[in-house]
């Protein structure tokens, strides 16, 4: 493979990164937090307000999101603000896109095979 091609080819992230992103997104509360942060950064208290759970439980969700790299935080004084790290969200998008391409190719091949069988009179 030419060197110019390898420089432009996207590398697949390690499985641990992909696993961490999907683990973080596997919980509805964490998915909701990610969706809310896609609009704008928010403080812990703003993020926690809609949920009926103890603050330590909610903070655990934020910890999982931050460990996965989906969000980052910054503390100013006593206020910790979270923002979305969209590059990690792209990890999930890229993995899903690869799976979609794989299955679309397989289904196209199956379709072609079935059409050939039909054309050849095999049922």
Protein backbone atom coordinates (compact mmCIF):
# COMPACT_ATOMS: atom_id res chain seq x y z
CA UNK A 1 0.00 0.00 0.00
CA UNK A 2 1.42 3.41 -0.93
CA UNK A 3 2.54 5.62 1.94
CA UNK A 4 0.16 8.38 0.84
CA UNK A 5 -2.78 6.00 1.21
CA UNK A 6 -1.85 4.89 4.72
CA UNK A 7 -1.54 8.49 5.86
CA UNK A 8 -5.15 9.22 4.89
CA UNK A 9 -6.64 5.94 6.13
CA UNK A 10 -8.47 6.20 9.43
CA UNK A 11 -7.14 3.92 12.10
CA UNK A 12 -9.62 1.88 14.08
CA UNK A 13 -9.41 2.82 17.75
CA UNK A 14 -8.47 0.09 20.21
CA UNK A 15 -11.33 -2.15 21.29
CA UNK A 16 -11.14 -0.77 24.84
CA UNK A 17 -12.01 2.72 23.57
CA UNK A 18 -14.93 1.48 21.49
CA UNK A 19 -16.14 -0.69 24.39
CA UNK A 20 -15.94 2.26 26.78
CA UNK A 21 -17.96 4.50 24.48
CA UNK A 22 -20.70 1.92 23.97
CA UNK A 23 -20.72 1.05 27.69
CA UNK A 24 -21.21 4.72 28.51
CA UNK A 25 -23.99 5.02 25.94
CA UNK A 26 -25.73 1.85 27.13
CA UNK A 27 -27.53 3.69 29.93
CA UNK A 28 -30.56 5.91 29.17
CA UNK A 29 -29.55 8.53 31.76
CA UNK A 30 -26.09 8.86 30.23
CA UNK A 31 -27.51 9.02 26.69
CA UNK A 32 -29.82 11.80 27.85
CA UNK A 33 -26.91 13.71 29.41
CA UNK A 34 -24.96 13.39 26.14
CA UNK A 35 -27.98 14.67 24.20
CA UNK A 36 -28.37 17.63 26.56
CA UNK A 37 -24.67 18.46 26.35
CA UNK A 38 -24.87 18.46 22.56
CA UNK A 39 -26.84 21.71 22.89
CA UNK A 40 -24.50 23.46 25.35
CA UNK A 41 -22.18 22.85 28.30
CA UNK A 42 -23.87 22.57 31.69
CA UNK A 43 -22.99 22.46 35.37
CA UNK A 44 -23.45 19.33 37.46
CA UNK A 45 -26.47 20.82 39.19
CA UNK A 46 -28.08 21.75 35.84
CA UNK A 47 -27.48 18.26 34.52
CA UNK A 48 -28.73 16.53 37.67
CA UNK A 49 -31.89 18.65 38.11
CA UNK A 50 -34.31 16.54 36.01
CA UNK A 51 -33.39 13.23 37.66
CA UNK A 52 -34.84 11.78 40.81
CA UNK A 53 -31.66 10.18 42.09
CA UNK A 54 -29.14 10.88 44.80
CA UNK A 55 -26.28 13.15 43.72
CA UNK A 56 -23.61 10.43 44.28
CA UNK A 57 -25.50 8.15 41.87
CA UNK A 58 -25.73 10.90 39.26
CA UNK A 59 -22.05 11.75 39.70
CA UNK A 60 -21.25 8.12 38.94
CA UNK A 61 -22.95 8.54 35.55
CA UNK A 62 -20.82 11.61 34.85
CA UNK A 63 -17.72 9.69 35.92
CA UNK A 64 -18.50 6.91 33.41
CA UNK A 65 -19.08 9.46 30.64
CA UNK A 66 -15.84 11.26 31.42
CA UNK A 67 -13.84 8.01 31.65
CA UNK A 68 -15.11 7.04 28.20
CA UNK A 69 -13.97 10.37 26.80
CA UNK A 70 -17.49 11.37 25.72
CA UNK A 71 -17.48 14.39 28.02
CA UNK A 72 -14.89 16.53 29.71
CA UNK A 73 -15.23 18.84 32.66
CA UNK A 74 -13.72 22.01 34.01
CA UNK A 75 -13.94 23.33 37.53
CA UNK A 76 -14.14 27.06 38.20
CA UNK A 77 -14.44 27.82 41.86
CA UNK A 78 -17.10 25.51 43.23
CA UNK A 79 -18.82 24.89 39.89
CA UNK A 80 -17.89 21.95 37.66
CA UNK A 81 -19.08 22.34 34.08
CA UNK A 82 -19.32 19.47 31.58
CA UNK A 83 -19.10 19.68 27.81
CA UNK A 84 -19.46 17.11 25.06
CA UNK A 85 -16.30 15.73 23.44
CA UNK A 86 -17.68 15.02 19.99
CA UNK A 87 -14.54 13.27 18.75
CA UNK A 88 -15.35 10.28 20.98
CA UNK A 89 -18.93 10.24 19.77
CA UNK A 90 -17.43 9.88 16.29
CA UNK A 91 -15.86 6.59 17.46
CA UNK A 92 -19.34 5.08 17.86
CA UNK A 93 -20.52 6.60 14.58
CA UNK A 94 -17.53 5.21 12.68
CA UNK A 95 -17.95 1.73 14.18
CA UNK A 96 -21.66 1.68 13.29
CA UNK A 97 -20.89 2.90 9.76
CA UNK A 98 -18.39 0.07 9.25
CA UNK A 99 -20.97 -2.46 10.45
CA UNK A 100 -23.62 -0.97 8.17
CA UNK A 101 -21.31 -1.18 5.13
CA UNK A 102 -20.43 -4.79 5.98
CA UNK A 103 -24.07 -5.86 6.27
CA UNK A 104 -25.18 -3.89 3.21
CA UNK A 105 -22.49 -5.69 1.19
CA UNK A 106 -23.57 -9.07 2.56
CA UNK A 107 -27.24 -8.39 1.87
CA UNK A 108 -26.47 -7.17 -1.66
CA UNK A 109 -24.55 -10.41 -2.28
CA UNK A 110 -27.45 -12.47 -0.91
CA UNK A 111 -29.89 -10.54 -3.09
CA UNK A 112 -27.77 -11.15 -6.19
CA UNK A 113 -27.51 -14.85 -5.34
CA UNK A 114 -31.27 -15.21 -4.83
CA UNK A 115 -32.01 -13.38 -8.09
CA UNK A 116 -29.61 -15.73 -9.90
CA UNK A 117 -31.35 -18.76 -8.39
CA UNK A 118 -34.72 -17.37 -9.48
CA UNK A 119 -33.41 -16.65 -12.99
CA UNK A 120 -31.99 -20.20 -13.19
CA UNK A 121 -35.35 -21.64 -12.12
CA UNK A 122 -34.15 -22.95 -8.78
CA UNK A 123 -36.72 -22.43 -6.01
